[in-house]
PDB file of N, CA and C in Angstrom:
ATOM      1  N   MET A   1      -6.057 -17.982   7.501  1.00  0.00           N
ATOM      2  CA  MET A   1      -5.363 -17.254   6.453  1.00  0.00           C
ATOM      3  C   MET A   1      -6.249 -17.163   5.216  1.00  0.00           C
ATOM      4  N   SER A   2      -6.188 -16.030   4.563  1.00  0.00           N
ATOM      5  CA  SER A   2      -6.985 -15.793   3.365  1.00  0.00           C
ATOM      6  C   SER A   2      -6.104 -15.862   2.129  1.00  0.00           C
ATOM      7  N   LYS A   3      -6.733 -16.149   0.997  1.00  0.00           N
ATOM      8  CA  LYS A   3      -6.003 -16.199  -0.275  1.00  0.00           C
ATOM      9  C   LYS A   3      -6.129 -14.851  -0.971  1.00  0.00           C
ATOM     10  N   TYR A   4      -5.001 -14.378  -1.528  1.00  0.00           N
ATOM     11  CA  TYR A   4      -4.965 -13.094  -2.207  1.00  0.00           C
ATOM     12  C   TYR A   4      -4.261 -13.219  -3.548  1.00  0.00           C
ATOM     13  N   GLU A   5      -4.553 -12.267  -4.416  1.00  0.00           N
ATOM     14  CA  GLU A   5      -3.849 -12.147  -5.689  1.00  0.00           C
ATOM     15  C   GLU A   5      -3.353 -10.708  -5.803  1.00  0.00           C
ATOM     16  N   LEU A   6      -2.061 -10.565  -6.082  1.00  0.00           N
ATOM     17  CA  LEU A   6      -1.458  -9.255  -6.285  1.00  0.00           C
ATOM     18  C   LEU A   6      -1.199  -9.081  -7.771  1.00  0.00           C
ATOM     19  N   ALA A   7      -1.874  -8.111  -8.369  1.00  0.00           N
ATOM     20  CA  ALA A   7      -1.620  -7.753  -9.766  1.00  0.00           C
ATOM     21  C   ALA A   7      -0.611  -6.618  -9.746  1.00  0.00           C
ATOM     22  N   LEU A   8       0.462  -6.788 -10.504  1.00  0.00           N
ATOM     23  CA  LEU A   8       1.581  -5.857 -10.452  1.00  0.00           C
ATOM     24  C   LEU A   8       1.978  -5.473 -11.871  1.00  0.00           C
ATOM     25  N   VAL A   9       2.114  -4.179 -12.133  1.00  0.00           N
ATOM     26  CA  VAL A   9       2.563  -3.691 -13.438  1.00  0.00           C
ATOM     27  C   VAL A   9       3.862  -2.929 -13.213  1.00  0.00           C
ATOM     28  N   LEU A  10       4.928  -3.413 -13.859  1.00  0.00           N
ATOM     29  CA  LEU A  10       6.247  -2.798 -13.718  1.00  0.00           C
ATOM     30  C   LEU A  10       6.613  -2.021 -14.971  1.00  0.00           C
ATOM     31  N   ASN A  11       7.469  -1.052 -14.812  1.00  0.00           N
ATOM     32  CA  ASN A  11       7.961  -0.210 -15.890  1.00  0.00           C
ATOM     33  C   ASN A  11       8.564  -1.075 -16.996  1.00  0.00           C
ATOM     34  N   ALA A  12       8.171  -0.846 -18.242  1.00  0.00           N
ATOM     35  CA  ALA A  12       8.652  -1.656 -19.368  1.00  0.00           C
ATOM     36  C   ALA A  12      10.028  -1.233 -19.858  1.00  0.00           C
ATOM     37  N   LYS A  13      10.508  -0.076 -19.410  1.00  0.00           N
ATOM     38  CA  LYS A  13      11.769   0.444 -19.926  1.00  0.00           C
ATOM     39  C   LYS A  13      12.990   0.060 -19.088  1.00  0.00           C
ATOM     40  N   ILE A  14      12.802  -0.695 -18.002  1.00  0.00           N
ATOM     41  CA  ILE A  14      13.948  -1.083 -17.178  1.00  0.00           C
ATOM     42  C   ILE A  14      14.540  -2.395 -17.681  1.00  0.00           C
ATOM     43  N   GLU A  15      15.793  -2.634 -17.317  1.00  0.00           N
ATOM     44  CA  GLU A  15      16.501  -3.854 -17.713  1.00  0.00           C
ATOM     45  C   GLU A  15      15.909  -5.073 -17.009  1.00  0.00           C
ATOM     46  N   ASP A  16      16.174  -6.259 -17.568  1.00  0.00           N
ATOM     47  CA  ASP A  16      15.669  -7.507 -16.989  1.00  0.00           C
ATOM     48  C   ASP A  16      16.159  -7.705 -15.566  1.00  0.00           C
ATOM     49  N   GLU A  17      17.421  -7.382 -15.300  1.00  0.00           N
ATOM     50  CA  GLU A  17      17.999  -7.573 -13.965  1.00  0.00           C
ATOM     51  C   GLU A  17      17.296  -6.688 -12.944  1.00  0.00           C
ATOM     52  N   GLU A  18      17.053  -5.440 -13.306  1.00  0.00           N
ATOM     53  CA  GLU A  18      16.378  -4.506 -12.404  1.00  0.00           C
ATOM     54  C   GLU A  18      14.942  -4.944 -12.159  1.00  0.00           C
ATOM     55  N   ARG A  19      14.268  -5.430 -13.202  1.00  0.00           N
ATOM     56  CA  ARG A  19      12.891  -5.912 -13.058  1.00  0.00           C
ATOM     57  C   ARG A  19      12.841  -7.113 -12.114  1.00  0.00           C
ATOM     58  N   ALA A  20      13.834  -8.003 -12.218  1.00  0.00           N
ATOM     59  CA  ALA A  20      13.897  -9.158 -11.322  1.00  0.00           C
ATOM     60  C   ALA A  20      14.117  -8.711  -9.877  1.00  0.00           C
ATOM     61  N   LYS A  21      14.930  -7.682  -9.673  1.00  0.00           N
ATOM     62  CA  LYS A  21      15.169  -7.164  -8.316  1.00  0.00           C
ATOM     63  C   LYS A  21      13.894  -6.584  -7.716  1.00  0.00           C
ATOM     64  N   VAL A  22      13.144  -5.843  -8.524  1.00  0.00           N
ATOM     65  CA  VAL A  22      11.893  -5.259  -8.041  1.00  0.00           C
ATOM     66  C   VAL A  22      10.901  -6.367  -7.684  1.00  0.00           C
ATOM     67  N   LEU A  23      10.807  -7.388  -8.519  1.00  0.00           N
ATOM     68  CA  LEU A  23       9.898  -8.503  -8.251  1.00  0.00           C
ATOM     69  C   LEU A  23      10.302  -9.226  -6.970  1.00  0.00           C
ATOM     70  N   GLU A  24      11.594  -9.443  -6.769  1.00  0.00           N
ATOM     71  CA  GLU A  24      12.072 -10.105  -5.545  1.00  0.00           C
ATOM     72  C   GLU A  24      11.786  -9.247  -4.311  1.00  0.00           C
ATOM     73  N   LYS A  25      11.902  -7.937  -4.456  1.00  0.00           N
ATOM     74  CA  LYS A  25      11.608  -7.025  -3.348  1.00  0.00           C
ATOM     75  C   LYS A  25      10.139  -7.136  -2.950  1.00  0.00           C
ATOM     76  N   VAL A  26       9.256  -7.177  -3.944  1.00  0.00           N
ATOM     77  CA  VAL A  26       7.816  -7.285  -3.680  1.00  0.00           C
ATOM     78  C   VAL A  26       7.508  -8.635  -3.030  1.00  0.00           C
ATOM     79  N   LYS A  27       8.107  -9.705  -3.551  1.00  0.00           N
ATOM     80  CA  LYS A  27       7.900 -11.029  -2.959  1.00  0.00           C
ATOM     81  C   LYS A  27       8.441 -11.063  -1.531  1.00  0.00           C
ATOM     82  N   GLY A  28       9.518 -10.339  -1.275  1.00  0.00           N
ATOM     83  CA  GLY A  28      10.071 -10.250   0.072  1.00  0.00           C
ATOM     84  C   GLY A  28       9.116  -9.579   1.045  1.00  0.00           C
ATOM     85  N   TYR A  29       8.400  -8.547   0.589  1.00  0.00           N
ATOM     86  CA  TYR A  29       7.408  -7.900   1.432  1.00  0.00           C
ATOM     87  C   TYR A  29       6.291  -8.861   1.807  1.00  0.00           C
ATOM     88  N   ILE A  30       5.874  -9.680   0.855  1.00  0.00           N
ATOM     89  CA  ILE A  30       4.801 -10.645   1.124  1.00  0.00           C
ATOM     90  C   ILE A  30       5.241 -11.623   2.207  1.00  0.00           C
ATOM     91  N   THR A  31       6.434 -12.168   2.072  1.00  0.00           N
ATOM     92  CA  THR A  31       6.905 -13.143   3.071  1.00  0.00           C
ATOM     93  C   THR A  31       7.224 -12.480   4.407  1.00  0.00           C
ATOM     94  N   ARG A  32       7.663 -11.213   4.381  1.00  0.00           N
ATOM     95  CA  ARG A  32       7.988 -10.512   5.631  1.00  0.00           C
ATOM     96  C   ARG A  32       6.764 -10.378   6.524  1.00  0.00           C
ATOM     97  N   PHE A  33       5.600 -10.185   5.912  1.00  0.00           N
ATOM     98  CA  PHE A  33       4.378 -10.015   6.687  1.00  0.00           C
ATOM     99  C   PHE A  33       3.590 -11.316   6.821  1.00  0.00           C
ATOM    100  N   GLY A  34       4.274 -12.445   6.749  1.00  0.00           N
ATOM    101  CA  GLY A  34       3.667 -13.734   7.035  1.00  0.00           C
ATOM    102  C   GLY A  34       2.955 -14.394   5.879  1.00  0.00           C
ATOM    103  N   GLY A  35       3.116 -13.887   4.685  1.00  0.00           N
ATOM    104  CA  GLY A  35       2.460 -14.480   3.528  1.00  0.00           C
ATOM    105  C   GLY A  35       3.239 -15.659   2.971  1.00  0.00           C
ATOM    106  N   GLN A  36       2.528 -16.573   2.350  1.00  0.00           N
ATOM    107  CA  GLN A  36       3.136 -17.724   1.698  1.00  0.00           C
ATOM    108  C   GLN A  36       2.755 -17.686   0.223  1.00  0.00           C
ATOM    109  N   ILE A  37       3.763 -17.489  -0.631  1.00  0.00           N
ATOM    110  CA  ILE A  37       3.521 -17.373  -2.066  1.00  0.00           C
ATOM    111  C   ILE A  37       3.295 -18.757  -2.661  1.00  0.00           C
ATOM    112  N   SER A  38       2.192 -18.906  -3.393  1.00  0.00           N
ATOM    113  CA  SER A  38       1.894 -20.200  -4.002  1.00  0.00           C
ATOM    114  C   SER A  38       2.195 -20.218  -5.497  1.00  0.00           C
ATOM    115  N   ASP A  39       2.100 -19.049  -6.163  1.00  0.00           N
ATOM    116  CA  ASP A  39       2.266 -19.030  -7.612  1.00  0.00           C
ATOM    117  C   ASP A  39       2.596 -17.620  -8.082  1.00  0.00           C
ATOM    118  N   VAL A  40       3.463 -17.524  -9.093  1.00  0.00           N
ATOM    119  CA  VAL A  40       3.770 -16.236  -9.726  1.00  0.00           C
ATOM    120  C   VAL A  40       3.576 -16.403 -11.233  1.00  0.00           C
ATOM    121  N   ASP A  41       2.589 -15.711 -11.782  1.00  0.00           N
ATOM    122  CA  ASP A  41       2.334 -15.740 -13.221  1.00  0.00           C
ATOM    123  C   ASP A  41       2.967 -14.512 -13.852  1.00  0.00           C
ATOM    124  N   GLU A  42       3.843 -14.731 -14.835  1.00  0.00           N
ATOM    125  CA  GLU A  42       4.435 -13.624 -15.575  1.00  0.00           C
ATOM    126  C   GLU A  42       3.750 -13.546 -16.930  1.00  0.00           C
ATOM    127  N   TRP A  43       3.047 -12.457 -17.183  1.00  0.00           N
ATOM    128  CA  TRP A  43       2.348 -12.288 -18.447  1.00  0.00           C
ATOM    129  C   TRP A  43       3.211 -11.585 -19.480  1.00  0.00           C
ATOM    130  N   GLY A  44       4.313 -10.988 -19.050  1.00  0.00           N
ATOM    131  CA  GLY A  44       5.198 -10.318 -19.981  1.00  0.00           C
ATOM    132  C   GLY A  44       4.769  -8.897 -20.274  1.00  0.00           C
ATOM    133  N   LYS A  45       5.324  -8.357 -21.348  1.00  0.00           N
ATOM    134  CA  LYS A  45       5.061  -6.962 -21.718  1.00  0.00           C
ATOM    135  C   LYS A  45       3.732  -6.870 -22.456  1.00  0.00           C
ATOM    136  N   LYS A  46       2.857  -5.994 -21.956  1.00  0.00           N
ATOM    137  CA  LYS A  46       1.540  -5.789 -22.555  1.00  0.00           C
ATOM    138  C   LYS A  46       1.294  -4.295 -22.718  1.00  0.00           C
ATOM    139  N   LYS A  47       0.448  -3.977 -23.659  1.00  0.00           N
ATOM    140  CA  LYS A  47       0.053  -2.584 -23.876  1.00  0.00           C
ATOM    141  C   LYS A  47      -0.958  -2.196 -22.796  1.00  0.00           C
ATOM    142  N   LEU A  48      -0.783  -1.013 -22.226  1.00  0.00           N
ATOM    143  CA  LEU A  48      -1.692  -0.517 -21.209  1.00  0.00           C
ATOM    144  C   LEU A  48      -2.944   0.066 -21.863  1.00  0.00           C
ATOM    145  N   ALA A  49      -4.042   0.064 -21.162  1.00  0.00           N
ATOM    146  CA  ALA A  49      -5.289   0.625 -21.682  1.00  0.00           C
ATOM    147  C   ALA A  49      -5.172   2.142 -21.849  1.00  0.00           C
ATOM    148  N   TYR A  50      -4.380   2.773 -21.010  1.00  0.00           N
ATOM    149  CA  TYR A  50      -4.131   4.211 -21.093  1.00  0.00           C
ATOM    150  C   TYR A  50      -2.729   4.480 -20.561  1.00  0.00           C
ATOM    151  N   GLU A  51      -2.165   5.602 -20.916  1.00  0.00           N
ATOM    152  CA  GLU A  51      -0.801   5.917 -20.505  1.00  0.00           C
ATOM    153  C   GLU A  51      -0.722   6.130 -19.002  1.00  0.00           C
ATOM    154  N   VAL A  52       0.327   5.558 -18.411  1.00  0.00           N
ATOM    155  CA  VAL A  52       0.617   5.721 -16.997  1.00  0.00           C
ATOM    156  C   VAL A  52       2.052   6.210 -16.907  1.00  0.00           C
ATOM    157  N   GLN A  53       2.269   7.344 -16.270  1.00  0.00           N
ATOM    158  CA  GLN A  53       3.599   7.931 -16.146  1.00  0.00           C
ATOM    159  C   GLN A  53       4.258   8.091 -17.520  1.00  0.00           C
ATOM    160  N   LYS A  54       3.462   8.514 -18.513  1.00  0.00           N
ATOM    161  CA  LYS A  54       3.904   8.739 -19.891  1.00  0.00           C
ATOM    162  C   LYS A  54       4.423   7.477 -20.580  1.00  0.00           C
ATOM    163  N   MET A  55       3.968   6.309 -20.142  1.00  0.00           N
ATOM    164  CA  MET A  55       4.353   5.039 -20.771  1.00  0.00           C
ATOM    165  C   MET A  55       3.100   4.306 -21.220  1.00  0.00           C
ATOM    166  N   SER A  56       3.222   3.610 -22.347  1.00  0.00           N
ATOM    167  CA  SER A  56       2.064   2.907 -22.891  1.00  0.00           C
ATOM    168  C   SER A  56       2.176   1.393 -22.747  1.00  0.00           C
ATOM    169  N   GLU A  57       3.296   0.885 -22.198  1.00  0.00           N
ATOM    170  CA  GLU A  57       3.482  -0.559 -21.989  1.00  0.00           C
ATOM    171  C   GLU A  57       4.004  -0.820 -20.581  1.00  0.00           C
ATOM    172  N   GLY A  58       3.766  -2.047 -20.117  1.00  0.00           N
ATOM    173  CA  GLY A  58       4.255  -2.453 -18.810  1.00  0.00           C
ATOM    174  C   GLY A  58       4.371  -3.962 -18.739  1.00  0.00           C
ATOM    175  N   PHE A  59       5.165  -4.451 -17.787  1.00  0.00           N
ATOM    176  CA  PHE A  59       5.296  -5.886 -17.548  1.00  0.00           C
ATOM    177  C   PHE A  59       4.298  -6.282 -16.463  1.00  0.00           C
ATOM    178  N   TYR A  60       3.481  -7.284 -16.770  1.00  0.00           N
ATOM    179  CA  TYR A  60       2.425  -7.722 -15.861  1.00  0.00           C
ATOM    180  C   TYR A  60       2.855  -8.973 -15.099  1.00  0.00           C
ATOM    181  N   TYR A  61       2.585  -8.973 -13.793  1.00  0.00           N
ATOM    182  CA  TYR A  61       2.821 -10.132 -12.927  1.00  0.00           C
ATOM    183  C   TYR A  61       1.594 -10.313 -12.046  1.00  0.00           C
ATOM    184  N   PHE A  62       1.259 -11.574 -11.799  1.00  0.00           N
ATOM    185  CA  PHE A  62       0.178 -11.904 -10.881  1.00  0.00           C
ATOM    186  C   PHE A  62       0.732 -12.874  -9.849  1.00  0.00           C
ATOM    187  N   ILE A  63       0.750 -12.447  -8.591  1.00  0.00           N
ATOM    188  CA  ILE A  63       1.322 -13.238  -7.501  1.00  0.00           C
ATOM    189  C   ILE A  63       0.181 -13.704  -6.613  1.00  0.00           C
ATOM    190  N   HIS A  64       0.042 -15.018  -6.471  1.00  0.00           N
ATOM    191  CA  HIS A  64      -0.976 -15.598  -5.597  1.00  0.00           C
ATOM    192  C   HIS A  64      -0.309 -15.961  -4.273  1.00  0.00           C
ATOM    193  N   PHE A  65      -0.961 -15.573  -3.173  1.00  0.00           N
ATOM    194  CA  PHE A  65      -0.380 -15.867  -1.863  1.00  0.00           C
ATOM    195  C   PHE A  65      -1.469 -15.975  -0.804  1.00  0.00           C
ATOM    196  N   GLU A  66      -1.101 -16.583   0.326  1.00  0.00           N
ATOM    197  CA  GLU A  66      -1.976 -16.675   1.487  1.00  0.00           C
ATOM    198  C   GLU A  66      -1.356 -15.857   2.593  1.00  0.00           C
ATOM    199  N   ALA A  67      -2.199 -15.117   3.323  1.00  0.00           N
ATOM    200  CA  ALA A  67      -1.698 -14.287   4.410  1.00  0.00           C
ATOM    201  C   ALA A  67      -2.834 -13.953   5.372  1.00  0.00           C
ATOM    202  N   GLU A  68      -2.462 -13.412   6.523  1.00  0.00           N
ATOM    203  CA  GLU A  68      -3.450 -12.929   7.483  1.00  0.00           C
ATOM    204  C   GLU A  68      -4.135 -11.698   6.895  1.00  0.00           C
ATOM    205  N   THR A  69      -5.270 -11.338   7.439  1.00  0.00           N
ATOM    206  CA  THR A  69      -6.050 -10.229   6.883  1.00  0.00           C
ATOM    207  C   THR A  69      -5.372  -8.871   7.042  1.00  0.00           C
ATOM    208  N   SER A  70      -4.438  -8.738   7.964  1.00  0.00           N
ATOM    209  CA  SER A  70      -3.754  -7.457   8.153  1.00  0.00           C
ATOM    210  C   SER A  70      -2.596  -7.264   7.173  1.00  0.00           C
ATOM    211  N   ALA A  71      -2.136  -8.326   6.542  1.00  0.00           N
ATOM    212  CA  ALA A  71      -0.949  -8.265   5.675  1.00  0.00           C
ATOM    213  C   ALA A  71      -1.135  -7.419   4.411  1.00  0.00           C
ATOM    214  N   PRO A  72      -2.246  -7.497   3.687  1.00  0.00           N
ATOM    215  CA  PRO A  72      -2.366  -6.722   2.444  1.00  0.00           C
ATOM    216  C   PRO A  72      -2.165  -5.219   2.629  1.00  0.00           C
ATOM    217  N   ALA A  73      -2.669  -4.657   3.704  1.00  0.00           N
ATOM    218  CA  ALA A  73      -2.494  -3.219   3.936  1.00  0.00           C
ATOM    219  C   ALA A  73      -1.022  -2.874   4.125  1.00  0.00           C
ATOM    220  N   GLU A  74      -0.311  -3.701   4.873  1.00  0.00           N
ATOM    221  CA  GLU A  74       1.122  -3.474   5.095  1.00  0.00           C
ATOM    222  C   GLU A  74       1.908  -3.629   3.794  1.00  0.00           C
ATOM    223  N   ILE A  75       1.561  -4.642   3.012  1.00  0.00           N
ATOM    224  CA  ILE A  75       2.249  -4.880   1.734  1.00  0.00           C
ATOM    225  C   ILE A  75       2.002  -3.705   0.786  1.00  0.00           C
ATOM    226  N   GLU A  76       0.758  -3.233   0.711  1.00  0.00           N
ATOM    227  CA  GLU A  76       0.437  -2.099  -0.157  1.00  0.00           C
ATOM    228  C   GLU A  76       1.213  -0.851   0.246  1.00  0.00           C
ATOM    229  N   ASN A  77       1.347  -0.613   1.544  1.00  0.00           N
ATOM    230  CA  ASN A  77       2.103   0.559   2.005  1.00  0.00           C
ATOM    231  C   ASN A  77       3.548   0.503   1.545  1.00  0.00           C
ATOM    232  N   ARG A  78       4.145  -0.675   1.495  1.00  0.00           N
ATOM    233  CA  ARG A  78       5.541  -0.819   1.066  1.00  0.00           C
ATOM    234  C   ARG A  78       5.673  -0.745  -0.451  1.00  0.00           C
ATOM    235  N   ILE A  79       4.760  -1.391  -1.184  1.00  0.00           N
ATOM    236  CA  ILE A  79       4.823  -1.406  -2.652  1.00  0.00           C
ATOM    237  C   ILE A  79       4.615  -0.004  -3.217  1.00  0.00           C
ATOM    238  N   ARG A  80       3.801   0.789  -2.549  1.00  0.00           N
ATOM    239  CA  ARG A  80       3.465   2.135  -3.014  1.00  0.00           C
ATOM    240  C   ARG A  80       4.708   2.986  -3.285  1.00  0.00           C
ATOM    241  N   ILE A  81       5.803   2.768  -2.538  1.00  0.00           N
ATOM    242  CA  ILE A  81       6.993   3.607  -2.677  1.00  0.00           C
ATOM    243  C   ILE A  81       8.131   2.933  -3.430  1.00  0.00           C
ATOM    244  N   VAL A  82       7.896   1.748  -3.983  1.00  0.00           N
ATOM    245  CA  VAL A  82       8.940   1.046  -4.737  1.00  0.00           C
ATOM    246  C   VAL A  82       9.066   1.660  -6.127  1.00  0.00           C
ATOM    247  N   ASP A  83      10.298   1.995  -6.504  1.00  0.00           N
ATOM    248  CA  ASP A  83      10.533   2.542  -7.844  1.00  0.00           C
ATOM    249  C   ASP A  83      10.190   1.501  -8.900  1.00  0.00           C
ATOM    250  N   ASN A  84       9.759   1.967 -10.049  1.00  0.00           N
ATOM    251  CA  ASN A  84       9.445   1.153 -11.224  1.00  0.00           C
ATOM    252  C   ASN A  84       8.171   0.327 -11.100  1.00  0.00           C
ATOM    253  N   VAL A  85       7.417   0.478 -10.014  1.00  0.00           N
ATOM    254  CA  VAL A  85       6.094  -0.138  -9.923  1.00  0.00           C
ATOM    255  C   VAL A  85       5.096   0.911 -10.390  1.00  0.00           C
ATOM    256  N   MET A  86       4.446   0.625 -11.518  1.00  0.00           N
ATOM    257  CA  MET A  86       3.515   1.594 -12.091  1.00  0.00           C
ATOM    258  C   MET A  86       2.131   1.480 -11.469  1.00  0.00           C
ATOM    259  N   ARG A  87       1.634   0.263 -11.319  1.00  0.00           N
ATOM    260  CA  ARG A  87       0.321   0.016 -10.740  1.00  0.00           C
ATOM    261  C   ARG A  87       0.354  -1.311  -9.979  1.00  0.00           C
ATOM    262  N   PHE A  88      -0.523  -1.424  -8.970  1.00  0.00           N
ATOM    263  CA  PHE A  88      -0.661  -2.665  -8.229  1.00  0.00           C
ATOM    264  C   PHE A  88      -2.057  -2.746  -7.638  1.00  0.00           C
ATOM    265  N   LEU A  89      -2.502  -3.962  -7.377  1.00  0.00           N
ATOM    266  CA  LEU A  89      -3.815  -4.173  -6.775  1.00  0.00           C
ATOM    267  C   LEU A  89      -3.814  -5.529  -6.087  1.00  0.00           C
ATOM    268  N   ILE A  90      -4.227  -5.548  -4.830  1.00  0.00           N
ATOM    269  CA  ILE A  90      -4.356  -6.810  -4.104  1.00  0.00           C
ATOM    270  C   ILE A  90      -5.846  -7.109  -3.963  1.00  0.00           C
ATOM    271  N   VAL A  91      -6.224  -8.315  -4.400  1.00  0.00           N
ATOM    272  CA  VAL A  91      -7.625  -8.738  -4.377  1.00  0.00           C
ATOM    273  C   VAL A  91      -7.741  -9.974  -3.505  1.00  0.00           C
ATOM    274  N   ASN A  92      -8.767  -9.998  -2.653  1.00  0.00           N
ATOM    275  CA  ASN A  92      -9.034 -11.163  -1.815  1.00  0.00           C
ATOM    276  C   ASN A  92      -9.701 -12.230  -2.678  1.00  0.00           C
ATOM    277  N   GLN A  93      -9.063 -13.365  -2.850  1.00  0.00           N
ATOM    278  CA  GLN A  93      -9.604 -14.438  -3.685  1.00  0.00           C
ATOM    279  C   GLN A  93     -10.772 -15.166  -3.018  1.00  0.00           C
ATOM    280  N   ASP A  94     -10.852 -15.125  -1.696  1.00  0.00           N
ATOM    281  CA  ASP A  94     -11.952 -15.788  -1.006  1.00  0.00           C
ATOM    282  C   ASP A  94     -13.289 -15.123  -1.308  1.00  0.00           C
ATOM    283  N   GLU A  95     -13.268 -13.799  -1.507  1.00  0.00           N
ATOM    284  CA  GLU A  95     -14.504 -13.075  -1.786  1.00  0.00           C
ATOM    285  C   GLU A  95     -14.885 -13.111  -3.260  1.00  0.00           C
ATOM    286  N   ALA A  96     -13.909 -13.332  -4.121  1.00  0.00           N
ATOM    287  CA  ALA A  96     -14.165 -13.277  -5.555  1.00  0.00           C
ATOM    288  C   ALA A  96     -14.846 -14.482  -6.024  1.00  0.00           C
TER     289      ALA A  96
END
């Protein structure tokens, strides 16, 4: 199993409850594909470097997990269509 980090930027204009649901949905995708979450860092609301979807702020989360090498592609395919996810990136920590 390899170590990965998922950087996630969520819409800043949604309610706290909705943001928690989106985060739980993303964490559910990780566990569904055999990943084991070790840590979730919440950085809070930050200003974006440039506007994304006409918004200048977003909530940042960094999720550290271990999974098989095929899992990140499957997770990315699911996250891509989740509402209120503005940007995401999965990085292999073993290579970094």
